[in-house]
Amino acid sequence: MPARDYPPSAVPWPQAIGWSRAELCAYLAAAADPASWALPTRCPPWTVADLTAHLAATFRRFADQLAKAREGNLDAPFPPGHLSIENLRAVRQFRSDPLRELAGQAGRFLGSLNAAEERIGHQRGPITVGLQVMFGLAELTVHHDDLAHATGSSYRPAGDIVAALADMYGTVFGMPAGPDPWACLLNASGR
């Protein structure tokens, strides 16, 4: 996925920032019960606590990459095709309170955004910050459903968020939305 300009519909700005903040709050509230932290998730070998650590590490990487980009460094954080390896490594080495760290790192990233067109380093080449926000929004919503599944329920974000994510995935990856775009997004992510 080389750097390129995506149509505005692929990155609804600044709505994506507000949606991300709302989804972050919803995830944090759902993950707040310590009784759920040891539950296994659909992301083996991760528990709910590990899933939250993954999100915290992901948003730390986003914030760090943005800081590096502003210093002129658009290098990839890791090689293409190594996302799963990096995710497993980051969770294995995670040593903080996952809820506090997720709130802090996501807040750090979302609070430092200026323009959707700004570039940020990504494992497949520089992308726009707006697209990185959409990837973060997808992480929050899909993993919220993983958390809900671990506790015996399900999660579905608001319709405008689902529509925006489906449009982004259709534009960037050519993924068809199908009759239920949320079900298609979950299926495409291996759920």
Protein backbone atom coordinates (compact mmCIF):
# COMPACT_ATOMS: atom_id res chain seq x y z
CA MET A 1 0.00 0.00 0.00
CA PRO A 2 2.18 2.87 -1.20
CA ALA A 3 1.44 6.47 -0.24
CA ARG A 4 -1.27 7.95 -2.38
CA ASP A 5 -4.19 10.27 -2.06
CA TYR A 6 -7.51 8.68 -1.23
CA PRO A 7 -10.86 10.26 -1.96
CA PRO A 8 -12.25 12.31 0.94
CA SER A 9 -14.91 9.65 1.58
CA ALA A 10 -12.15 7.20 2.58
CA VAL A 11 -11.13 9.54 5.40
CA PRO A 12 -14.07 11.49 6.83
CA TRP A 13 -12.24 14.32 8.57
CA PRO A 14 -12.53 15.48 11.31
CA GLN A 15 -15.40 13.09 12.15
CA ALA A 16 -12.96 10.18 12.33
CA ILE A 17 -11.24 11.80 15.31
CA GLY A 18 -14.50 12.23 17.23
CA TRP A 19 -15.59 8.70 16.36
CA SER A 20 -12.24 7.35 17.53
CA ARG A 21 -12.53 9.18 20.84
CA ALA A 22 -16.07 7.86 21.35
CA GLU A 23 -15.04 4.30 20.45
CA LEU A 24 -12.04 4.56 22.79
CA CYS A 25 -14.35 5.55 25.67
CA ALA A 26 -16.75 2.72 24.82
CA TYR A 27 -13.92 0.18 24.70
CA LEU A 28 -12.41 1.39 27.98
CA ALA A 29 -15.79 1.17 29.71
CA ALA A 30 -16.36 -2.36 28.38
CA ALA A 31 -12.88 -3.48 29.47
CA ALA A 32 -13.04 -1.89 32.92
CA ASP A 33 -14.28 -5.00 34.75
CA PRO A 34 -11.21 -6.87 36.08
CA ALA A 35 -13.27 -10.07 36.11
CA SER A 36 -13.12 -10.10 32.29
CA TRP A 37 -9.35 -9.56 31.94
CA ALA A 38 -8.41 -13.25 32.00
CA LEU A 39 -11.10 -14.33 29.52
CA PRO A 40 -9.81 -15.77 26.23
CA THR A 41 -10.61 -13.84 23.05
CA ARG A 42 -10.97 -14.68 19.36
CA CYS A 43 -7.37 -13.44 19.01
CA PRO A 44 -5.43 -16.38 20.44
CA PRO A 45 -3.37 -16.49 22.54
CA TRP A 46 -4.70 -13.19 23.91
CA THR A 47 -6.96 -12.59 26.88
CA VAL A 48 -9.06 -9.42 27.25
CA ALA A 49 -6.13 -7.85 29.14
CA ASP A 50 -3.78 -8.80 26.27
CA LEU A 51 -6.21 -7.38 23.73
CA THR A 52 -6.22 -4.09 25.62
CA ALA A 53 -2.41 -4.16 25.82
CA HIS A 54 -2.35 -4.70 22.05
CA LEU A 55 -4.49 -1.61 21.50
CA ALA A 56 -2.31 0.41 23.88
CA ALA A 57 0.87 -0.69 22.06
CA THR A 58 -0.74 0.01 18.68
CA PHE A 59 -1.71 3.56 19.60
CA ARG A 60 1.75 4.11 21.14
CA ARG A 61 3.24 3.09 17.79
CA PHE A 62 0.88 5.46 15.96
CA ALA A 63 1.84 8.37 18.25
CA ASP A 64 5.55 7.56 18.00
CA GLN A 65 5.36 7.31 14.20
CA LEU A 66 3.60 10.68 14.02
CA ALA A 67 6.30 12.28 16.20
CA LYS A 68 9.01 10.75 13.97
CA ALA A 69 7.22 11.95 10.83
CA ARG A 70 7.18 15.49 12.17
CA GLU A 71 10.95 15.21 12.57
CA GLY A 72 11.20 14.17 8.90
CA ASN A 73 11.41 10.39 9.46
CA LEU A 74 8.81 8.43 7.46
CA ASP A 75 10.54 5.06 7.93
CA ALA A 76 8.40 1.98 8.42
CA PRO A 77 8.03 0.85 12.04
CA PHE A 78 8.68 -2.76 10.95
CA PRO A 79 8.95 -4.66 7.65
CA PRO A 80 5.91 -5.28 5.45
CA GLY A 81 4.24 -8.57 6.30
CA HIS A 82 5.43 -8.47 9.93
CA LEU A 83 2.31 -6.97 11.52
CA SER A 84 1.35 -10.16 13.37
CA ILE A 85 4.92 -10.67 14.55
CA GLU A 86 5.09 -7.08 15.81
CA ASN A 87 1.70 -7.34 17.53
CA LEU A 88 2.68 -10.54 19.36
CA ARG A 89 6.05 -9.04 20.36
CA ALA A 90 4.47 -5.83 21.66
CA VAL A 91 1.93 -7.70 23.80
CA ARG A 92 4.55 -10.12 25.10
CA GLN A 93 6.76 -7.22 26.22
CA PHE A 94 3.94 -5.05 27.57
CA ARG A 95 4.42 -4.18 31.26
CA SER A 96 1.98 -1.32 32.04
CA ASP A 97 -1.63 -1.07 33.13
CA PRO A 98 -3.36 -1.73 29.79
CA LEU A 99 -6.42 0.47 30.43
CA ARG A 100 -4.40 3.46 31.59
CA GLU A 101 -1.85 3.00 28.82
CA LEU A 102 -4.54 2.69 26.14
CA ALA A 103 -6.28 5.84 27.37
CA GLY A 104 -2.97 7.70 27.48
CA GLN A 105 -1.51 6.56 24.16
CA ALA A 106 -4.73 6.87 22.17
CA GLY A 107 -5.25 10.29 23.74
CA ARG A 108 -1.67 11.23 22.84
CA PHE A 109 -2.18 10.23 19.20
CA LEU A 110 -5.68 11.66 18.75
CA GLY A 111 -4.77 14.86 20.60
CA SER A 112 -1.82 15.62 18.34
CA LEU A 113 -3.60 15.48 14.98
CA ASN A 114 -3.56 18.54 12.73
CA ALA A 115 -4.50 17.58 9.17
CA ALA A 116 -5.74 14.45 7.43
CA GLU A 117 -3.20 14.90 4.63
CA GLU A 118 -0.15 14.87 6.91
CA ARG A 119 2.11 11.86 6.20
CA ILE A 120 3.10 9.18 8.69
CA GLY A 121 5.41 6.17 8.36
CA HIS A 122 3.65 2.84 7.84
CA GLN A 123 4.94 -0.68 7.24
CA ARG A 124 3.91 -0.52 3.57
CA GLY A 125 5.15 3.01 2.94
CA PRO A 126 4.04 6.45 4.12
CA ILE A 127 0.29 6.99 4.38
CA THR A 128 -1.86 9.92 5.40
CA VAL A 129 -2.58 10.53 9.07
CA GLY A 130 -6.28 10.44 8.18
CA LEU A 131 -5.94 6.89 6.93
CA GLN A 132 -3.98 5.94 10.07
CA VAL A 133 -6.86 7.31 12.16
CA MET A 134 -9.28 5.13 10.22
CA PHE A 135 -7.06 2.08 10.82
CA GLY A 136 -7.08 2.93 14.53
CA LEU A 137 -10.87 3.29 14.48
CA ALA A 138 -11.11 -0.15 12.89
CA GLU A 139 -8.84 -1.59 15.61
CA LEU A 140 -11.00 -0.11 18.37
CA THR A 141 -14.30 -1.31 16.93
CA VAL A 142 -13.26 -4.79 15.84
CA HIS A 143 -11.45 -5.47 19.11
CA HIS A 144 -14.44 -4.14 21.04
CA ASP A 145 -16.45 -6.88 19.35
CA ASP A 146 -13.70 -9.38 20.31
CA LEU A 147 -13.99 -8.22 23.93
CA ALA A 148 -17.79 -8.46 23.80
CA HIS A 149 -17.58 -11.95 22.31
CA ALA A 150 -15.32 -13.02 25.21
CA THR A 151 -18.05 -11.95 27.64
CA GLY A 152 -20.84 -13.66 25.69
CA SER A 153 -22.23 -10.77 23.66
CA SER A 154 -21.41 -8.78 20.55
CA TYR A 155 -20.62 -5.18 19.65
CA ARG A 156 -21.62 -3.10 16.66
CA PRO A 157 -20.53 0.52 16.28
CA ALA A 158 -22.93 3.23 15.10
CA GLY A 159 -24.10 3.06 11.50
CA ASP A 160 -22.12 6.09 10.33
CA ILE A 161 -18.92 4.52 11.67
CA VAL A 162 -19.68 1.20 9.98
CA ALA A 163 -20.40 3.01 6.70
CA ALA A 164 -17.17 5.01 6.92
CA LEU A 165 -15.08 1.93 7.73
CA ALA A 166 -16.69 -0.04 4.90
CA ASP A 167 -16.05 2.80 2.47
CA MET A 168 -12.43 3.10 3.60
CA TYR A 169 -11.82 -0.65 3.28
CA GLY A 170 -13.52 -0.64 -0.11
CA THR A 171 -11.43 2.29 -1.34
CA VAL A 172 -8.09 1.16 0.07
CA PHE A 173 -8.34 -2.62 -0.22
CA GLY A 174 -11.19 -3.16 -2.71
CA MET A 175 -13.28 -4.98 -0.11
CA PRO A 176 -16.97 -5.12 -1.06
CA ALA A 177 -19.41 -3.92 1.63
CA GLY A 178 -22.03 -6.63 1.06
CA PRO A 179 -25.53 -6.50 2.53
CA ASP A 180 -24.15 -6.05 6.08
CA PRO A 181 -20.91 -4.05 5.97
CA TRP A 182 -20.12 -4.74 9.65
CA ALA A 183 -20.39 -8.50 9.12
CA CYS A 184 -18.13 -8.14 6.05
CA LEU A 185 -15.54 -6.18 8.07
CA LEU A 186 -15.55 -8.77 10.85
CA ASN A 187 -15.30 -11.60 8.33
CA ALA A 188 -12.45 -9.89 6.47
CA SER A 189 -10.56 -9.58 9.75
CA GLY A 190 -10.85 -13.31 10.39
CA ARG A 191 -13.81 -13.33 12.75
